[in-house]
């Protein structure tokens, strides 16, 4: 049995399998709410990887470096939300598995395993309940009128296709008057002189775009 174990870990590609599965489940736990089940599997695989190739002292150091990288990814996803710490964290994980490998080719396999595992873990989002990660970067919900959201001020929305007159030169920003009310408006790149009849062609929030009446 012992000989079989040693023979299996003598192949360079085994690092790809172990680090791939370990990272797959650990990142999967970060992205989805699996109540620690994926975390236990991931910790198990990664612990096996480092324990096979390293002595006790080096094993602990590399294990810490790997999991510090994972913690940085979690902090980025929960708090920072700009990807910087996540990038550093992924680099830390790659460094740990590469340095622990017995040779260059085994290290390359281990690095590829981490990358493939991290990318593949995104598939869990299609199956399991997702955690609230990187919510400041990615807006999942659609902001629709039906949900009570509107990008357009209601008082401005009614101005679409209304006609008015410029109170000063639009070059391209200026002031127009519609139904005895004054609004800031912008032309579509044209210089429109004072006293010109204009028509509202687009409204975005409180931004009113007009063009010269033909």
Protein backbone atom coordinates (compact mmCIF):
# COMPACT_ATOMS: atom_id res chain seq x y z
CA UNK A 1 0.00 0.00 0.00
CA UNK A 2 2.83 2.38 0.92
CA UNK A 3 4.64 1.65 -2.35
CA UNK A 4 1.44 2.45 -4.28
CA UNK A 5 1.15 5.81 -2.55
CA UNK A 6 4.75 6.73 -3.31
CA UNK A 7 4.38 5.68 -6.95
CA UNK A 8 1.22 7.79 -7.45
CA UNK A 9 2.86 10.94 -6.11
CA UNK A 10 5.95 10.42 -8.26
CA UNK A 11 3.95 11.53 -11.32
CA UNK A 12 4.15 15.26 -12.02
CA UNK A 13 0.52 15.51 -13.12
CA UNK A 14 -0.85 14.38 -9.76
CA UNK A 15 -0.22 17.89 -8.44
CA UNK A 16 -2.62 19.21 -11.06
CA UNK A 17 -5.37 16.90 -9.82
CA UNK A 18 -4.88 17.57 -6.11
CA UNK A 19 -4.43 21.36 -6.27
CA UNK A 20 -7.22 21.58 -8.85
CA UNK A 21 -9.72 19.77 -6.65
CA UNK A 22 -8.56 21.58 -3.52
CA UNK A 23 -8.92 25.02 -5.10
CA UNK A 24 -12.17 24.03 -6.81
CA UNK A 25 -13.86 23.23 -3.50
CA UNK A 26 -12.29 26.07 -1.50
CA UNK A 27 -13.24 28.79 -3.99
CA UNK A 28 -16.57 27.02 -4.43
CA UNK A 29 -17.19 27.41 -0.70
CA UNK A 30 -16.31 31.10 -0.95
CA UNK A 31 -18.73 31.67 -3.83
CA UNK A 32 -21.59 29.45 -2.68
CA UNK A 33 -23.18 28.61 0.65
CA UNK A 34 -22.31 24.94 1.15
CA UNK A 35 -22.18 25.14 4.96
CA UNK A 36 -18.51 24.19 5.13
CA UNK A 37 -18.77 20.92 3.19
CA UNK A 38 -16.75 22.21 0.23
CA UNK A 39 -14.30 23.85 2.63
CA UNK A 40 -13.54 20.53 4.34
CA UNK A 41 -12.96 18.81 1.01
CA UNK A 42 -10.73 21.62 -0.21
CA UNK A 43 -8.66 21.74 2.98
CA UNK A 44 -8.24 17.99 2.79
CA UNK A 45 -6.88 18.00 -0.77
CA UNK A 46 -4.54 20.95 -0.18
CA UNK A 47 -3.24 19.49 3.06
CA UNK A 48 -2.44 16.22 1.27
CA UNK A 49 -0.58 18.10 -1.47
CA UNK A 50 1.72 20.00 0.89
CA UNK A 51 2.24 17.10 3.30
CA UNK A 52 3.40 14.77 0.51
CA UNK A 53 6.14 17.03 -0.82
CA UNK A 54 7.31 19.00 2.23
CA UNK A 55 8.83 18.46 5.64
CA UNK A 56 6.81 19.56 8.67
CA UNK A 57 8.30 23.06 9.03
CA UNK A 58 8.08 23.90 5.30
CA UNK A 59 4.67 22.26 5.12
CA UNK A 60 3.23 24.65 7.72
CA UNK A 61 4.76 27.73 6.07
CA UNK A 62 3.48 26.91 2.60
CA UNK A 63 0.07 25.96 3.95
CA UNK A 64 -0.14 29.35 5.68
CA UNK A 65 0.88 31.20 2.49
CA UNK A 66 -1.79 29.33 0.51
CA UNK A 67 -4.57 30.04 2.99
CA UNK A 68 -3.51 33.67 3.48
CA UNK A 69 -4.10 34.02 -0.26
CA UNK A 70 -7.55 32.50 0.13
CA UNK A 71 -8.34 34.89 2.99
CA UNK A 72 -7.31 37.87 0.83
CA UNK A 73 -9.74 36.71 -1.86
CA UNK A 74 -12.53 36.51 0.73
CA UNK A 75 -11.73 39.98 2.11
CA UNK A 76 -11.75 41.43 -1.40
CA UNK A 77 -15.08 39.81 -2.24
CA UNK A 78 -16.74 40.86 1.01
CA UNK A 79 -15.26 44.29 1.74
CA UNK A 80 -12.92 45.84 -0.82
CA UNK A 81 -14.58 44.82 -4.09
CA UNK A 82 -11.91 46.13 -6.46
CA UNK A 83 -10.06 42.91 -7.29
CA UNK A 84 -6.65 44.02 -5.97
CA UNK A 85 -6.52 41.80 -2.90
CA UNK A 86 -8.06 38.92 -4.86
CA UNK A 87 -5.24 39.15 -7.40
CA UNK A 88 -2.61 39.21 -4.67
CA UNK A 89 -4.36 36.31 -2.96
CA UNK A 90 -4.39 34.20 -6.12
CA UNK A 91 -0.70 34.99 -6.62
CA UNK A 92 0.00 33.84 -3.07
CA UNK A 93 -1.80 30.54 -3.67
CA UNK A 94 0.09 29.96 -6.93
CA UNK A 95 3.42 30.75 -5.27
CA UNK A 96 2.78 28.30 -2.44
CA UNK A 97 1.93 25.32 -4.65
CA UNK A 98 4.76 26.09 -7.06
CA UNK A 99 7.43 26.27 -4.33
CA UNK A 100 6.15 23.08 -2.69
CA UNK A 101 6.49 21.04 -5.88
CA UNK A 102 9.46 18.65 -6.17
CA UNK A 103 10.50 19.91 -9.62
CA UNK A 104 9.70 22.54 -12.24
CA UNK A 105 7.22 20.46 -14.23
CA UNK A 106 5.35 19.35 -11.14
CA UNK A 107 5.18 23.00 -10.10
CA UNK A 108 3.71 23.98 -13.47
CA UNK A 109 1.08 21.28 -13.15
CA UNK A 110 0.22 22.46 -9.64
CA UNK A 111 -0.10 26.08 -10.77
CA UNK A 112 -2.37 25.06 -13.65
CA UNK A 113 -4.43 23.04 -11.19
CA UNK A 114 -5.06 26.12 -9.04
CA UNK A 115 -6.03 28.22 -12.05
CA UNK A 116 -8.31 25.59 -13.55
CA UNK A 117 -9.87 24.86 -10.16
CA UNK A 118 -10.57 28.54 -9.51
CA UNK A 119 -12.17 29.05 -12.92
CA UNK A 120 -14.17 25.83 -12.79
CA UNK A 121 -15.56 26.75 -9.37
CA UNK A 122 -17.66 29.42 -11.09
CA UNK A 123 -19.87 26.60 -12.37
CA UNK A 124 -21.09 26.08 -8.81
CA UNK A 125 -22.90 29.42 -9.09
CA UNK A 126 -25.29 27.85 -11.58
CA UNK A 127 -26.24 25.06 -9.17
CA UNK A 128 -25.92 26.21 -5.57
CA UNK A 129 -27.05 29.25 -3.60
CA UNK A 130 -24.52 32.05 -4.08
CA UNK A 131 -22.93 34.12 -1.33
CA UNK A 132 -22.91 37.90 -1.35
CA UNK A 133 -19.50 38.38 -2.99
CA UNK A 134 -18.29 41.29 -5.14
CA UNK A 135 -21.79 42.79 -4.96
CA UNK A 136 -20.40 46.33 -5.31
CA UNK A 137 -18.78 45.46 -8.64
CA UNK A 138 -21.50 43.34 -10.19
CA UNK A 139 -25.09 44.54 -9.95
CA UNK A 140 -27.10 41.34 -10.20
CA UNK A 141 -30.60 42.77 -9.91
CA UNK A 142 -32.10 44.74 -12.76
CA UNK A 143 -33.23 48.19 -11.71
CA UNK A 144 -36.57 48.36 -13.47
CA UNK A 145 -39.63 50.55 -13.02
CA UNK A 146 -41.57 47.47 -12.00
CA UNK A 147 -39.20 47.05 -9.06
CA UNK A 148 -39.63 50.69 -8.06
CA UNK A 149 -36.49 52.08 -9.71
CA UNK A 150 -36.29 54.76 -12.36
CA UNK A 151 -33.25 56.38 -13.95
CA UNK A 152 -35.41 59.26 -15.10
CA UNK A 153 -36.90 61.97 -12.92
CA UNK A 154 -40.66 61.82 -13.51
CA UNK A 155 -40.94 65.58 -14.01
CA UNK A 156 -38.29 65.44 -16.70
CA UNK A 157 -39.65 62.33 -18.38
CA UNK A 158 -42.67 64.26 -19.64
CA UNK A 159 -40.42 66.71 -21.49
CA UNK A 160 -39.59 64.24 -24.24
CA UNK A 161 -40.68 65.63 -27.64
CA UNK A 162 -41.71 68.96 -26.08
CA UNK A 163 -40.80 72.18 -27.87
CA UNK A 164 -39.14 75.19 -26.31
CA UNK A 165 -36.82 78.14 -26.86
CA UNK A 166 -33.19 78.74 -25.97
CA UNK A 167 -32.60 81.53 -23.44
CA UNK A 168 -28.92 81.75 -24.29
CA UNK A 169 -26.47 80.19 -26.71
CA UNK A 170 -26.13 76.41 -26.40
CA UNK A 171 -22.46 75.65 -26.97
CA UNK A 172 -23.38 72.93 -26.42
CA UNK A 173 -24.77 73.50 -22.88
CA UNK A 174 -27.21 76.25 -22.05
CA UNK A 175 -30.69 77.09 -20.76
CA UNK A 176 -34.01 76.54 -22.48
CA UNK A 177 -37.59 77.48 -21.59
CA UNK A 178 -40.47 75.01 -21.97
CA UNK A 179 -43.97 76.00 -20.90
CA UNK A 180 -42.67 78.93 -18.85
CA UNK A 181 -40.17 76.74 -16.97
CA UNK A 182 -36.41 76.95 -17.40
CA UNK A 183 -34.18 73.88 -17.79
CA UNK A 184 -30.52 73.21 -18.35
CA UNK A 185 -30.07 71.45 -21.70
CA UNK A 186 -27.42 70.25 -24.08
CA UNK A 187 -27.42 70.17 -27.86
CA UNK A 188 -26.22 67.20 -29.90
CA UNK A 189 -22.87 68.87 -30.54
CA UNK A 190 -24.31 71.86 -32.44
CA UNK A 191 -24.02 75.50 -31.54
CA UNK A 192 -27.59 76.75 -31.14
CA UNK A 193 -27.98 80.48 -30.76
CA UNK A 194 -30.22 82.32 -28.29
CA UNK A 195 -33.90 82.59 -29.24
CA UNK A 196 -33.92 79.42 -31.37
CA UNK A 197 -36.86 77.03 -31.28
CA UNK A 198 -35.73 73.58 -30.12
CA UNK A 199 -37.25 70.17 -29.48
CA UNK A 200 -36.37 67.71 -26.70
CA UNK A 201 -35.11 64.53 -28.37
CA UNK A 202 -33.69 62.64 -25.39
CA UNK A 203 -34.00 62.68 -21.60
CA UNK A 204 -31.67 60.72 -19.33
CA UNK A 205 -32.33 61.37 -15.64
CA UNK A 206 -32.16 65.17 -15.51
CA UNK A 207 -30.07 65.50 -18.64
CA UNK A 208 -32.07 67.04 -21.46
CA UNK A 209 -30.83 66.86 -25.04
CA UNK A 210 -32.36 69.10 -27.66
CA UNK A 211 -32.00 69.79 -31.34
CA UNK A 212 -32.92 72.75 -33.53
CA UNK A 213 -36.42 72.74 -34.91
CA UNK A 214 -36.53 72.26 -38.64
